């Protein structure tokens, strides 16, 4: 299934986003990648995507509507990168929620969120743990997306690695015990679900594994 309207990637210079942009453009999709730093434009162009310089942390919903206008789908792969709780809430929660609201207002029906394995409101991360702001932010953003009325998919990879991807994943009881998940595989899954309407309204948790991605995504 081809993607007829542009895909907009939020957080376009991230490691997963750059990989996903290349996979999508190689498949014939038109991709716009939103970045904050204009110095990253060349890296985005090298993937075949069109760079769009905009700061999602400061834009309101109307500003984000302008950035996203004309898109057919959105892949949210932005993140504050940890270390600063205030920025984590600002990007991973607040900006994510505003992009969801902007999609609703613009009539952009498809939205894919890169989250993490175990993300939920009762995540159980202690407040004194440095991961707590991220866990709280993702719980809020994912919940908002599920209630938005959009055709959503939430991706829940395990611990991210730089291992080369093999085009295969583990889902359910086939997940790796150490939860290692290559960024290559996350990008490949993100690109794949945008081509697959059968992944709408699903939370897909996965790790590296032995099942081809296409087959793995068919499983509940």
N, C-alpha and C. Protein backbone atom coordinates (compact mmCIF):
# COMPACT_ATOMS: atom_id res chain seq x y z
N UNK A 1 0.84 -1.20 0.00
CA UNK A 1 0.00 0.00 0.00
C UNK A 1 0.88 1.24 0.00
N UNK A 2 0.70 2.12 -0.99
CA UNK A 2 1.49 3.32 -1.08
C UNK A 2 0.95 4.42 -0.18
N UNK A 3 1.80 5.40 0.09
CA UNK A 3 1.41 6.56 0.90
C UNK A 3 1.25 7.73 -0.05
N UNK A 4 0.01 8.19 -0.22
CA UNK A 4 -0.27 9.18 -1.25
C UNK A 4 0.04 10.61 -0.81
N UNK A 5 -0.18 10.92 0.44
CA UNK A 5 0.05 12.29 0.92
C UNK A 5 1.30 12.31 1.79
N UNK A 6 1.92 13.48 1.94
CA UNK A 6 3.20 13.55 2.66
C UNK A 6 3.11 13.05 4.10
N UNK A 7 4.19 12.41 4.52
CA UNK A 7 4.39 12.05 5.92
C UNK A 7 5.23 13.15 6.55
N UNK A 8 4.80 13.65 7.69
CA UNK A 8 5.61 14.62 8.43
C UNK A 8 6.18 13.94 9.66
N UNK A 9 7.50 13.98 9.76
CA UNK A 9 8.19 13.40 10.92
C UNK A 9 8.54 14.52 11.88
N UNK A 10 8.08 14.41 13.10
CA UNK A 10 8.41 15.38 14.15
C UNK A 10 9.64 14.87 14.90
N UNK A 11 10.66 15.74 15.00
CA UNK A 11 11.92 15.30 15.58
C UNK A 11 12.80 14.69 14.51
N UNK A 12 12.86 15.37 13.36
CA UNK A 12 13.41 14.78 12.15
C UNK A 12 14.89 14.49 12.14
N UNK A 13 15.65 15.03 13.10
CA UNK A 13 17.08 14.76 13.12
C UNK A 13 17.44 13.66 14.11
N UNK A 14 16.47 13.06 14.74
CA UNK A 14 16.76 11.97 15.67
C UNK A 14 17.25 10.73 14.93
N UNK A 15 17.88 9.85 15.68
CA UNK A 15 18.47 8.65 15.07
C UNK A 15 17.42 7.76 14.42
N UNK A 16 16.28 7.60 15.09
CA UNK A 16 15.21 6.80 14.50
C UNK A 16 14.57 7.54 13.33
N UNK A 17 14.36 8.84 13.50
CA UNK A 17 13.70 9.64 12.46
C UNK A 17 14.47 9.65 11.16
N UNK A 18 15.78 9.82 11.22
CA UNK A 18 16.59 9.83 10.00
C UNK A 18 16.51 8.49 9.28
N UNK A 19 16.55 7.42 10.04
CA UNK A 19 16.43 6.09 9.43
C UNK A 19 15.05 5.91 8.80
N UNK A 20 14.00 6.32 9.53
CA UNK A 20 12.64 6.16 9.02
C UNK A 20 12.43 7.00 7.76
N UNK A 21 12.97 8.21 7.75
CA UNK A 21 12.82 9.08 6.58
C UNK A 21 13.41 8.41 5.34
N UNK A 22 14.59 7.82 5.49
CA UNK A 22 15.22 7.14 4.35
C UNK A 22 14.37 5.97 3.87
N UNK A 23 13.86 5.17 4.79
CA UNK A 23 13.02 4.03 4.40
C UNK A 23 11.76 4.49 3.69
N UNK A 24 11.15 5.55 4.20
CA UNK A 24 9.91 6.05 3.61
C UNK A 24 10.15 6.64 2.22
N UNK A 25 11.20 7.46 2.08
CA UNK A 25 11.46 8.04 0.76
C UNK A 25 11.87 6.97 -0.24
N UNK A 26 12.61 5.97 0.22
CA UNK A 26 12.98 4.88 -0.68
C UNK A 26 11.76 4.12 -1.18
N UNK A 27 10.69 4.12 -0.37
CA UNK A 27 9.45 3.44 -0.77
C UNK A 27 8.57 4.30 -1.67
N UNK A 28 9.02 5.54 -1.91
CA UNK A 28 8.27 6.43 -2.78
C UNK A 28 7.44 7.47 -2.08
N UNK A 29 7.48 7.49 -0.75
CA UNK A 29 6.69 8.46 0.00
C UNK A 29 7.37 9.83 0.00
N UNK A 30 6.57 10.86 0.05
CA UNK A 30 7.07 12.22 0.25
C UNK A 30 7.14 12.47 1.75
N UNK A 31 8.28 12.95 2.22
CA UNK A 31 8.49 13.11 3.65
C UNK A 31 8.95 14.53 3.95
N UNK A 32 8.31 15.14 4.94
CA UNK A 32 8.75 16.41 5.52
C UNK A 32 9.25 16.12 6.93
N UNK A 33 10.47 16.56 7.23
CA UNK A 33 11.04 16.29 8.54
C UNK A 33 11.23 17.60 9.30
N UNK A 34 10.55 17.70 10.45
CA UNK A 34 10.59 18.92 11.25
C UNK A 34 11.79 18.88 12.18
N UNK A 35 12.62 19.92 12.08
CA UNK A 35 13.82 20.04 12.90
C UNK A 35 13.88 21.43 13.51
N UNK A 36 14.55 21.53 14.64
CA UNK A 36 14.68 22.84 15.29
C UNK A 36 15.91 23.58 14.80
N UNK A 37 16.97 22.86 14.51
CA UNK A 37 18.27 23.46 14.18
C UNK A 37 18.49 23.46 12.68
N UNK A 38 18.61 24.64 12.05
CA UNK A 38 18.82 24.68 10.60
C UNK A 38 20.14 24.05 10.17
N UNK A 39 21.08 23.90 11.09
CA UNK A 39 22.34 23.24 10.75
C UNK A 39 22.14 21.77 10.39
N UNK A 40 20.97 21.22 10.69
CA UNK A 40 20.70 19.82 10.43
C UNK A 40 19.98 19.59 9.10
N UNK A 41 19.76 20.66 8.35
CA UNK A 41 19.02 20.52 7.09
C UNK A 41 19.69 19.55 6.12
N UNK A 42 21.02 19.62 6.02
CA UNK A 42 21.72 18.77 5.06
C UNK A 42 21.55 17.29 5.41
N UNK A 43 21.59 16.97 6.70
CA UNK A 43 21.40 15.57 7.11
C UNK A 43 20.02 15.07 6.72
N UNK A 44 19.02 15.93 6.86
CA UNK A 44 17.66 15.54 6.50
C UNK A 44 17.55 15.37 4.99
N UNK A 45 18.10 16.30 4.24
CA UNK A 45 18.03 16.19 2.77
C UNK A 45 18.70 14.92 2.27
N UNK A 46 19.75 14.50 2.97
CA UNK A 46 20.47 13.29 2.56
C UNK A 46 19.60 12.05 2.62
N UNK A 47 18.53 12.08 3.41
CA UNK A 47 17.59 10.95 3.49
C UNK A 47 16.55 10.99 2.39
N UNK A 48 16.50 12.08 1.64
CA UNK A 48 15.47 12.25 0.63
C UNK A 48 14.28 13.05 1.12
N UNK A 49 14.29 13.41 2.42
CA UNK A 49 13.18 14.19 3.00
C UNK A 49 13.42 15.68 2.83
N UNK A 50 12.36 16.44 3.00
CA UNK A 50 12.43 17.90 2.95
C UNK A 50 12.49 18.45 4.37
N UNK A 51 13.54 19.20 4.72
CA UNK A 51 13.62 19.75 6.08
C UNK A 51 12.64 20.90 6.27
N UNK A 52 12.01 20.93 7.43
CA UNK A 52 11.12 22.02 7.84
C UNK A 52 11.62 22.51 9.19
N UNK A 53 12.11 23.75 9.23
CA UNK A 53 12.67 24.28 10.47
C UNK A 53 11.56 24.90 11.30
N UNK A 54 11.32 24.33 12.47
CA UNK A 54 10.27 24.82 13.37
C UNK A 54 10.56 24.27 14.77
N UNK A 55 10.22 25.04 15.78
CA UNK A 55 10.46 24.64 17.16
C UNK A 55 9.15 24.21 17.79
N UNK A 56 8.93 22.91 17.88
CA UNK A 56 7.66 22.42 18.41
C UNK A 56 7.50 22.74 19.89
N UNK A 57 8.60 23.02 20.56
CA UNK A 57 8.54 23.33 21.98
C UNK A 57 7.87 24.67 22.25
N UNK A 58 7.94 25.58 21.28
CA UNK A 58 7.40 26.93 21.48
C UNK A 58 6.14 27.20 20.66
N UNK A 59 5.90 26.43 19.62
CA UNK A 59 4.73 26.68 18.78
C UNK A 59 3.45 26.24 19.47
N UNK A 60 2.40 27.06 19.31
CA UNK A 60 1.09 26.66 19.82
C UNK A 60 0.39 25.80 18.77
N UNK A 61 -0.84 25.41 19.05
CA UNK A 61 -1.55 24.51 18.14
C UNK A 61 -1.72 25.14 16.77
N UNK A 62 -2.06 26.43 16.71
CA UNK A 62 -2.22 27.08 15.41
C UNK A 62 -0.91 27.10 14.63
N UNK A 63 0.19 27.34 15.32
CA UNK A 63 1.48 27.32 14.66
C UNK A 63 1.83 25.94 14.14
N UNK A 64 1.51 24.93 14.92
CA UNK A 64 1.76 23.56 14.49
C UNK A 64 0.85 23.16 13.34
N UNK A 65 -0.35 23.69 13.30
CA UNK A 65 -1.24 23.42 12.17
C UNK A 65 -0.60 23.89 10.87
N UNK A 66 0.04 25.04 10.91
CA UNK A 66 0.71 25.55 9.71
C UNK A 66 1.85 24.64 9.29
N UNK A 67 2.60 24.17 10.27
CA UNK A 67 3.73 23.27 9.97
C UNK A 67 3.23 21.96 9.35
N UNK A 68 2.13 21.46 9.84
CA UNK A 68 1.64 20.15 9.42
C UNK A 68 0.68 20.20 8.24
N UNK A 69 0.28 21.38 7.83
CA UNK A 69 -0.74 21.52 6.78
C UNK A 69 -0.34 20.77 5.51
N UNK A 70 -1.28 20.01 4.97
CA UNK A 70 -1.04 19.25 3.75
C UNK A 70 -0.55 17.83 4.00
N UNK A 71 -0.22 17.52 5.24
CA UNK A 71 0.26 16.17 5.56
C UNK A 71 -0.88 15.17 5.56
N UNK A 72 -0.54 13.93 5.25
CA UNK A 72 -1.52 12.86 5.36
C UNK A 72 -1.34 12.05 6.62
N UNK A 73 -0.14 12.13 7.19
CA UNK A 73 0.16 11.38 8.41
C UNK A 73 1.32 12.03 9.14
N UNK A 74 1.44 11.71 10.42
CA UNK A 74 2.50 12.26 11.26
C UNK A 74 3.16 11.12 12.02
N UNK A 75 4.49 11.17 12.06
CA UNK A 75 5.28 10.27 12.88
C UNK A 75 5.98 11.12 13.94
N UNK A 76 5.61 10.91 15.20
CA UNK A 76 6.22 11.69 16.29
C UNK A 76 7.37 10.90 16.86
N UNK A 77 8.59 11.41 16.61
CA UNK A 77 9.79 10.76 17.10
C UNK A 77 10.70 11.75 17.80
N UNK A 78 10.10 12.83 18.30
CA UNK A 78 10.88 13.85 19.01
C UNK A 78 11.06 13.46 20.47
N UNK A 79 12.07 14.04 21.09
CA UNK A 79 12.30 13.82 22.51
C UNK A 79 13.32 14.80 23.04
N UNK A 80 13.18 15.15 24.29
CA UNK A 80 14.10 16.10 24.90
C UNK A 80 15.45 15.46 25.22
N UNK A 81 15.50 14.14 25.22
CA UNK A 81 16.76 13.46 25.44
C UNK A 81 17.13 13.21 26.89
N UNK A 82 16.22 13.53 27.81
CA UNK A 82 16.48 13.30 29.23
C UNK A 82 17.45 14.31 29.81
N UNK A 83 17.60 14.24 31.12
CA UNK A 83 18.54 15.12 31.81
C UNK A 83 17.95 16.41 32.31
N UNK A 84 16.86 16.86 31.71
CA UNK A 84 16.22 18.10 32.11
C UNK A 84 14.72 17.85 32.21
N UNK A 85 14.20 17.64 33.42
CA UNK A 85 12.78 17.31 33.56
C UNK A 85 11.85 18.34 32.93
N UNK A 86 12.19 19.63 33.08
CA UNK A 86 11.31 20.66 32.53
C UNK A 86 11.19 20.53 31.02
N UNK A 87 12.31 20.29 30.34
CA UNK A 87 12.27 20.12 28.88
C UNK A 87 11.60 18.81 28.50
N UNK A 88 11.78 17.79 29.30
CA UNK A 88 11.12 16.53 29.02
C UNK A 88 9.61 16.71 29.00
N UNK A 89 9.07 17.36 30.01
CA UNK A 89 7.63 17.63 30.01
C UNK A 89 7.22 18.52 28.85
N UNK A 90 8.07 19.50 28.52
CA UNK A 90 7.73 20.46 27.47
C UNK A 90 7.67 19.80 26.10
N UNK A 91 8.58 18.86 25.84
CA UNK A 91 8.65 18.23 24.52
C UNK A 91 7.85 16.94 24.47
N UNK A 92 8.19 16.00 25.36
CA UNK A 92 7.62 14.67 25.28
C UNK A 92 6.15 14.62 25.67
N UNK A 93 5.71 15.56 26.47
CA UNK A 93 4.30 15.61 26.85
C UNK A 93 3.56 16.75 26.15
N UNK A 94 3.95 17.98 26.47
CA UNK A 94 3.16 19.14 26.03
C UNK A 94 3.19 19.33 24.51
N UNK A 95 4.39 19.29 23.92
CA UNK A 95 4.48 19.47 22.47
C UNK A 95 3.82 18.31 21.73
N UNK A 96 3.98 17.10 22.27
CA UNK A 96 3.32 15.96 21.64
C UNK A 96 1.81 16.13 21.64
N UNK A 97 1.27 16.55 22.76
CA UNK A 97 -0.18 16.75 22.86
C UNK A 97 -0.64 17.85 21.90
N UNK A 98 0.14 18.90 21.76
CA UNK A 98 -0.25 19.97 20.83
C UNK A 98 -0.21 19.48 19.38
N UNK A 99 0.76 18.63 19.04
CA UNK A 99 0.77 18.13 17.66
C UNK A 99 -0.43 17.23 17.39
N UNK A 100 -0.85 16.48 18.39
CA UNK A 100 -2.06 15.66 18.24
C UNK A 100 -3.27 16.56 18.01
N UNK A 101 -3.39 17.60 18.82
CA UNK A 101 -4.51 18.53 18.67
C UNK A 101 -4.47 19.24 17.31
N UNK A 102 -3.26 19.55 16.85
CA UNK A 102 -3.12 20.18 15.54
C UNK A 102 -3.57 19.25 14.42
N UNK A 103 -3.25 17.97 14.55
CA UNK A 103 -3.70 17.00 13.56
C UNK A 103 -5.22 16.90 13.53
N UNK A 104 -5.82 16.88 14.71
CA UNK A 104 -7.28 16.84 14.78
C UNK A 104 -7.87 18.07 14.09
N UNK A 105 -7.33 19.23 14.39
CA UNK A 105 -7.85 20.48 13.83
C UNK A 105 -7.65 20.55 12.32
N UNK A 106 -6.56 19.98 11.82
CA UNK A 106 -6.24 20.02 10.40
C UNK A 106 -6.87 18.88 9.61
N UNK A 107 -7.46 17.92 10.30
CA UNK A 107 -8.04 16.78 9.61
C UNK A 107 -7.00 15.79 9.10
N UNK A 108 -5.85 15.75 9.79
CA UNK A 108 -4.80 14.78 9.46
C UNK A 108 -5.09 13.53 10.28
N UNK A 109 -5.53 12.47 9.62
CA UNK A 109 -6.10 11.36 10.37
C UNK A 109 -5.13 10.39 10.98
N UNK A 110 -3.93 10.25 10.42
CA UNK A 110 -3.02 9.16 10.82
C UNK A 110 -1.88 9.71 11.67
N UNK A 111 -1.65 9.04 12.80
CA UNK A 111 -0.62 9.52 13.74
C UNK A 111 0.07 8.31 14.36
N UNK A 112 1.39 8.26 14.22
CA UNK A 112 2.19 7.19 14.80
C UNK A 112 3.11 7.80 15.85
N UNK A 113 3.05 7.27 17.05
CA UNK A 113 3.85 7.76 18.18
C UNK A 113 4.93 6.74 18.53
N UNK A 114 6.18 7.21 18.57
CA UNK A 114 7.26 6.37 19.10
C UNK A 114 7.30 6.58 20.60
N UNK A 115 6.93 5.56 21.34
CA UNK A 115 6.90 5.61 22.79
C UNK A 115 7.95 4.64 23.32
N UNK A 116 7.65 3.92 24.37
CA UNK A 116 8.60 2.94 24.89
C UNK A 116 7.82 1.77 25.50
N UNK A 117 8.49 0.66 25.64
CA UNK A 117 7.85 -0.54 26.17
C UNK A 117 7.53 -0.36 27.65
N UNK A 118 6.27 -0.54 27.99
CA UNK A 118 5.84 -0.38 29.37
C UNK A 118 5.22 0.97 29.67
N UNK A 119 5.12 1.84 28.66
CA UNK A 119 4.51 3.15 28.87
C UNK A 119 3.03 3.00 29.21
N UNK A 120 2.62 3.59 30.29
CA UNK A 120 1.21 3.57 30.71
C UNK A 120 1.08 4.48 31.93
N UNK A 121 -0.15 4.80 32.27
CA UNK A 121 -0.36 5.73 33.39
C UNK A 121 0.10 5.14 34.71
N UNK A 122 -0.03 3.85 34.88
CA UNK A 122 0.44 3.20 36.11
C UNK A 122 1.82 2.57 35.86
N UNK A 123 2.73 3.36 35.34
CA UNK A 123 4.05 2.86 34.92
C UNK A 123 4.90 2.35 36.08
N UNK A 124 4.66 2.83 37.27
CA UNK A 124 5.37 2.32 38.44
C UNK A 124 6.76 2.87 38.66
N UNK A 125 7.17 3.86 37.87
CA UNK A 125 8.50 4.44 38.05
C UNK A 125 8.47 5.38 39.26
N UNK A 126 9.35 5.21 40.23
CA UNK A 126 9.34 6.08 41.42
C UNK A 126 9.62 7.54 41.05
N UNK A 127 9.05 8.45 41.84
CA UNK A 127 9.22 9.87 41.56
C UNK A 127 10.67 10.33 41.68
N UNK A 128 11.46 9.64 42.49
CA UNK A 128 12.85 10.04 42.64
C UNK A 128 13.77 9.41 41.60
N UNK A 129 13.19 8.70 40.65
CA UNK A 129 13.95 8.10 39.57
C UNK A 129 14.06 9.11 38.42
N UNK A 130 15.23 9.23 37.82
CA UNK A 130 15.44 10.21 36.75
C UNK A 130 14.57 9.92 35.52
N UNK A 131 14.07 8.69 35.41
CA UNK A 131 13.22 8.32 34.28
C UNK A 131 11.77 8.77 34.48
N UNK A 132 11.43 9.19 35.69
CA UNK A 132 10.03 9.50 36.03
C UNK A 132 9.41 10.57 35.11
N UNK A 133 10.09 11.70 34.84
CA UNK A 133 9.46 12.70 33.96
C UNK A 133 9.14 12.16 32.57
N UNK A 134 10.03 11.33 32.04
CA UNK A 134 9.77 10.74 30.73
C UNK A 134 8.59 9.77 30.79
N UNK A 135 8.56 8.93 31.82
CA UNK A 135 7.46 7.99 31.97
C UNK A 135 6.12 8.72 32.11
N UNK A 136 6.11 9.78 32.90
CA UNK A 136 4.89 10.58 33.07
C UNK A 136 4.48 11.24 31.76
N UNK A 137 5.48 11.78 31.04
CA UNK A 137 5.20 12.49 29.79
C UNK A 137 4.63 11.55 28.74
N UNK A 138 5.24 10.39 28.58
CA UNK A 138 4.75 9.46 27.59
C UNK A 138 3.38 8.91 27.95
N UNK A 139 3.14 8.67 29.23
CA UNK A 139 1.83 8.20 29.65
C UNK A 139 0.75 9.21 29.27
N UNK A 140 1.03 10.47 29.51
CA UNK A 140 0.04 11.52 29.21
C UNK A 140 -0.16 11.67 27.71
N UNK A 141 0.93 11.69 26.96
CA UNK A 141 0.82 11.88 25.51
C UNK A 141 0.14 10.69 24.85
N UNK A 142 0.52 9.48 25.25
CA UNK A 142 -0.10 8.29 24.67
C UNK A 142 -1.59 8.24 24.98
N UNK A 143 -1.95 8.58 26.21
CA UNK A 143 -3.36 8.58 26.60
C UNK A 143 -4.15 9.61 25.78
N UNK A 144 -3.56 10.77 25.60
CA UNK A 144 -4.23 11.82 24.81
C UNK A 144 -4.43 11.35 23.38
N UNK A 145 -3.43 10.68 22.84
CA UNK A 145 -3.54 10.19 21.46
C UNK A 145 -4.65 9.15 21.34
N UNK A 146 -4.71 8.22 22.29
CA UNK A 146 -5.74 7.18 22.23
C UNK A 146 -7.16 7.77 22.28
N UNK A 147 -7.31 8.90 22.94
CA UNK A 147 -8.62 9.51 23.04
C UNK A 147 -8.90 10.58 22.01
N UNK A 148 -8.01 10.74 21.05
CA UNK A 148 -8.10 11.86 20.11
C UNK A 148 -9.07 11.64 18.95
N UNK A 149 -9.40 10.39 18.68
CA UNK A 149 -10.20 10.09 17.50
C UNK A 149 -9.37 9.91 16.24
N UNK A 150 -8.05 10.12 16.32
CA UNK A 150 -7.18 9.89 15.17
C UNK A 150 -6.97 8.39 14.95
N UNK A 151 -6.50 8.05 13.77
CA UNK A 151 -6.10 6.68 13.47
C UNK A 151 -4.67 6.51 13.99
N UNK A 152 -4.55 6.08 15.22
CA UNK A 152 -3.26 6.09 15.90
C UNK A 152 -2.64 4.71 15.95
N UNK A 153 -1.31 4.72 16.03
CA UNK A 153 -0.53 3.54 16.39
C UNK A 153 0.56 3.99 17.35
N UNK A 154 0.72 3.29 18.45
CA UNK A 154 1.77 3.60 19.42
C UNK A 154 2.79 2.48 19.40
N UNK A 155 4.06 2.85 19.20
CA UNK A 155 5.13 1.87 19.15
C UNK A 155 5.86 1.83 20.48
N UNK A 156 6.06 0.62 21.01
CA UNK A 156 6.72 0.44 22.29
C UNK A 156 7.96 -0.43 22.18
N UNK A 157 9.05 0.12 21.66
CA UNK A 157 10.28 -0.67 21.63
C UNK A 157 10.88 -0.80 23.02
N UNK A 158 11.76 -1.78 23.17
CA UNK A 158 12.49 -1.93 24.41
C UNK A 158 13.73 -1.05 24.43
N UNK A 159 14.74 -1.46 25.17
CA UNK A 159 15.97 -0.68 25.31
C UNK A 159 16.65 -0.52 23.97
N UNK A 160 16.88 0.74 23.57
CA UNK A 160 17.39 1.03 22.23
C UNK A 160 18.88 0.76 22.12
N UNK A 161 19.27 0.21 20.97
CA UNK A 161 20.67 -0.09 20.71
C UNK A 161 21.04 0.39 19.31
N UNK A 162 22.33 0.36 19.03
CA UNK A 162 22.84 0.71 17.70
C UNK A 162 23.16 -0.54 16.88
N UNK A 163 22.68 -1.69 17.32
CA UNK A 163 22.91 -2.91 16.55
C UNK A 163 22.26 -2.79 15.17
N UNK A 164 22.90 -3.36 14.15
CA UNK A 164 22.28 -3.29 12.82
C UNK A 164 20.99 -4.08 12.77
N UNK A 165 20.01 -3.53 12.08
CA UNK A 165 18.73 -4.20 11.96
C UNK A 165 18.78 -5.37 10.99
N UNK A 166 17.88 -6.32 11.23
CA UNK A 166 17.79 -7.50 10.37
C UNK A 166 16.41 -7.63 9.73
N UNK A 167 15.54 -6.66 10.00
CA UNK A 167 14.20 -6.73 9.44
C UNK A 167 13.31 -7.71 10.17
N UNK A 168 13.65 -8.01 11.43
CA UNK A 168 12.84 -8.96 12.19
C UNK A 168 12.71 -8.48 13.63
N UNK A 169 11.62 -8.87 14.27
CA UNK A 169 11.31 -8.40 15.62
C UNK A 169 10.77 -9.54 16.46
N UNK A 170 10.67 -9.29 17.76
CA UNK A 170 10.02 -10.20 18.68
C UNK A 170 8.83 -9.52 19.32
N UNK A 171 7.69 -10.16 19.32
CA UNK A 171 6.45 -9.62 19.90
C UNK A 171 5.88 -10.65 20.86
N UNK A 172 5.28 -10.16 21.95
CA UNK A 172 4.69 -11.07 22.92
C UNK A 172 5.73 -11.93 23.60
N UNK A 173 5.50 -13.23 23.66
CA UNK A 173 6.43 -14.11 24.35
C UNK A 173 7.70 -14.36 23.54
N UNK A 174 7.78 -13.76 22.34
CA UNK A 174 8.98 -13.89 21.52
C UNK A 174 9.95 -12.72 21.71
N UNK A 175 9.62 -11.80 22.61
CA UNK A 175 10.51 -10.68 22.85
C UNK A 175 11.78 -11.14 23.56
N UNK A 176 12.87 -10.44 23.29
CA UNK A 176 14.13 -10.75 23.96
C UNK A 176 14.03 -10.48 25.45
N UNK A 177 14.66 -11.30 26.23
CA UNK A 177 14.62 -11.13 27.68
C UNK A 177 15.26 -9.82 28.10
N UNK A 178 16.31 -9.40 27.41
CA UNK A 178 16.99 -8.15 27.77
C UNK A 178 16.32 -6.93 27.15
N UNK A 179 15.28 -7.15 26.36
CA UNK A 179 14.47 -6.10 25.73
C UNK A 179 15.27 -5.22 24.75
N UNK A 180 16.42 -5.67 24.31
CA UNK A 180 17.22 -4.90 23.36
C UNK A 180 16.46 -4.74 22.04
N UNK A 181 16.45 -3.51 21.53
CA UNK A 181 15.74 -3.19 20.30
C UNK A 181 16.59 -2.23 19.46
N UNK A 182 16.99 -2.67 18.30
CA UNK A 182 17.79 -1.85 17.42
C UNK A 182 16.99 -0.64 16.92
N UNK A 183 17.64 0.50 16.87
CA UNK A 183 16.99 1.68 16.29
C UNK A 183 16.63 1.44 14.83
N UNK A 184 17.42 0.63 14.14
CA UNK A 184 17.07 0.26 12.77
C UNK A 184 15.71 -0.42 12.73
N UNK A 185 15.46 -1.31 13.66
CA UNK A 185 14.18 -2.03 13.67
C UNK A 185 13.03 -1.09 14.04
N UNK A 186 13.26 -0.16 14.96
CA UNK A 186 12.20 0.79 15.32
C UNK A 186 11.82 1.62 14.10
N UNK A 187 12.82 2.10 13.37
CA UNK A 187 12.55 2.89 12.17
C UNK A 187 11.81 2.05 11.14
N UNK A 188 12.21 0.80 10.99
CA UNK A 188 11.56 -0.07 10.01
C UNK A 188 10.11 -0.35 10.39
N UNK A 189 9.86 -0.56 11.68
CA UNK A 189 8.48 -0.77 12.13
C UNK A 189 7.66 0.50 11.92
N UNK A 190 8.23 1.65 12.24
CA UNK A 190 7.51 2.91 12.06
C UNK A 190 7.13 3.12 10.60
N UNK A 191 8.08 2.87 9.70
CA UNK A 191 7.79 3.01 8.28
C UNK A 191 6.74 2.01 7.83
N UNK A 192 6.83 0.79 8.35
CA UNK A 192 5.90 -0.26 7.94
C UNK A 192 4.47 0.04 8.36
N UNK A 193 4.28 0.51 9.60
CA UNK A 193 2.90 0.71 10.07
C UNK A 193 2.21 1.83 9.31
N UNK A 194 2.98 2.79 8.78
CA UNK A 194 2.37 3.86 8.00
C UNK A 194 1.79 3.35 6.69
N UNK A 195 2.25 2.19 6.26
CA UNK A 195 1.71 1.56 5.05
C UNK A 195 0.57 0.58 5.37
N UNK A 196 0.29 0.38 6.67
CA UNK A 196 -0.60 -0.72 7.03
C UNK A 196 -1.79 -0.26 7.88
N UNK A 197 -2.97 -0.19 7.27
CA UNK A 197 -4.16 0.21 8.03
C UNK A 197 -4.54 -0.78 9.11
N UNK A 198 -4.05 -2.02 9.03
CA UNK A 198 -4.39 -2.99 10.07
C UNK A 198 -3.65 -2.74 11.38
N UNK A 199 -2.77 -1.75 11.41
CA UNK A 199 -2.08 -1.40 12.66
C UNK A 199 -2.72 -0.20 13.35
N UNK A 200 -3.81 0.31 12.81
CA UNK A 200 -4.51 1.45 13.42
C UNK A 200 -5.14 1.03 14.74
N UNK A 201 -5.07 1.93 15.71
CA UNK A 201 -5.63 1.72 17.04
C UNK A 201 -5.00 0.53 17.76
N UNK A 202 -3.68 0.40 17.56
CA UNK A 202 -2.94 -0.67 18.24
C UNK A 202 -1.70 -0.11 18.92
N UNK A 203 -1.39 -0.65 20.07
CA UNK A 203 -0.12 -0.41 20.74
C UNK A 203 0.74 -1.63 20.49
N UNK A 204 1.87 -1.42 19.84
CA UNK A 204 2.71 -2.53 19.40
C UNK A 204 4.03 -2.48 20.16
N UNK A 205 4.20 -3.40 21.10
CA UNK A 205 5.45 -3.50 21.85
C UNK A 205 6.31 -4.61 21.24
N UNK A 206 7.60 -4.34 21.13
CA UNK A 206 8.46 -5.29 20.43
C UNK A 206 9.92 -5.09 20.83
N UNK A 207 10.72 -6.07 20.50
CA UNK A 207 12.18 -6.01 20.65
C UNK A 207 12.78 -6.56 19.36
N UNK A 208 14.10 -6.66 19.32
CA UNK A 208 14.71 -7.45 18.27
C UNK A 208 14.21 -8.88 18.39
N UNK A 209 14.19 -9.59 17.30
CA UNK A 209 13.69 -10.96 17.36
C UNK A 209 13.90 -11.68 16.05
N UNK A 210 13.15 -12.75 15.87
CA UNK A 210 13.35 -13.63 14.72
C UNK A 210 12.19 -13.60 13.73
N UNK A 211 11.14 -12.85 14.04
CA UNK A 211 9.96 -12.83 13.17
C UNK A 211 10.05 -11.67 12.18
N UNK A 212 9.93 -11.90 10.89
CA UNK A 212 9.94 -10.79 9.93
C UNK A 212 8.92 -9.73 10.32
N UNK A 213 9.30 -8.47 10.14
CA UNK A 213 8.45 -7.37 10.60
C UNK A 213 7.03 -7.48 10.06
N UNK A 214 6.88 -7.76 8.77
CA UNK A 214 5.54 -7.86 8.20
C UNK A 214 4.70 -8.90 8.87
N UNK A 215 5.29 -10.04 9.18
CA UNK A 215 4.56 -11.10 9.87
C UNK A 215 4.28 -10.73 11.32
N UNK A 216 5.25 -10.11 11.97
CA UNK A 216 5.10 -9.72 13.37
C UNK A 216 3.97 -8.72 13.55
N UNK A 217 3.82 -7.79 12.62
CA UNK A 217 2.78 -6.77 12.74
C UNK A 217 1.40 -7.33 12.51
N UNK A 218 1.32 -8.48 11.92
CA UNK A 218 0.02 -9.11 11.67
C UNK A 218 -0.53 -9.74 12.94
N UNK A 219 0.37 -10.05 13.88
CA UNK A 219 -0.05 -10.68 15.12
C UNK A 219 -0.65 -9.66 16.08
N UNK A 220 -1.59 -10.10 16.89
CA UNK A 220 -2.15 -9.25 17.94
C UNK A 220 -1.19 -9.22 19.13
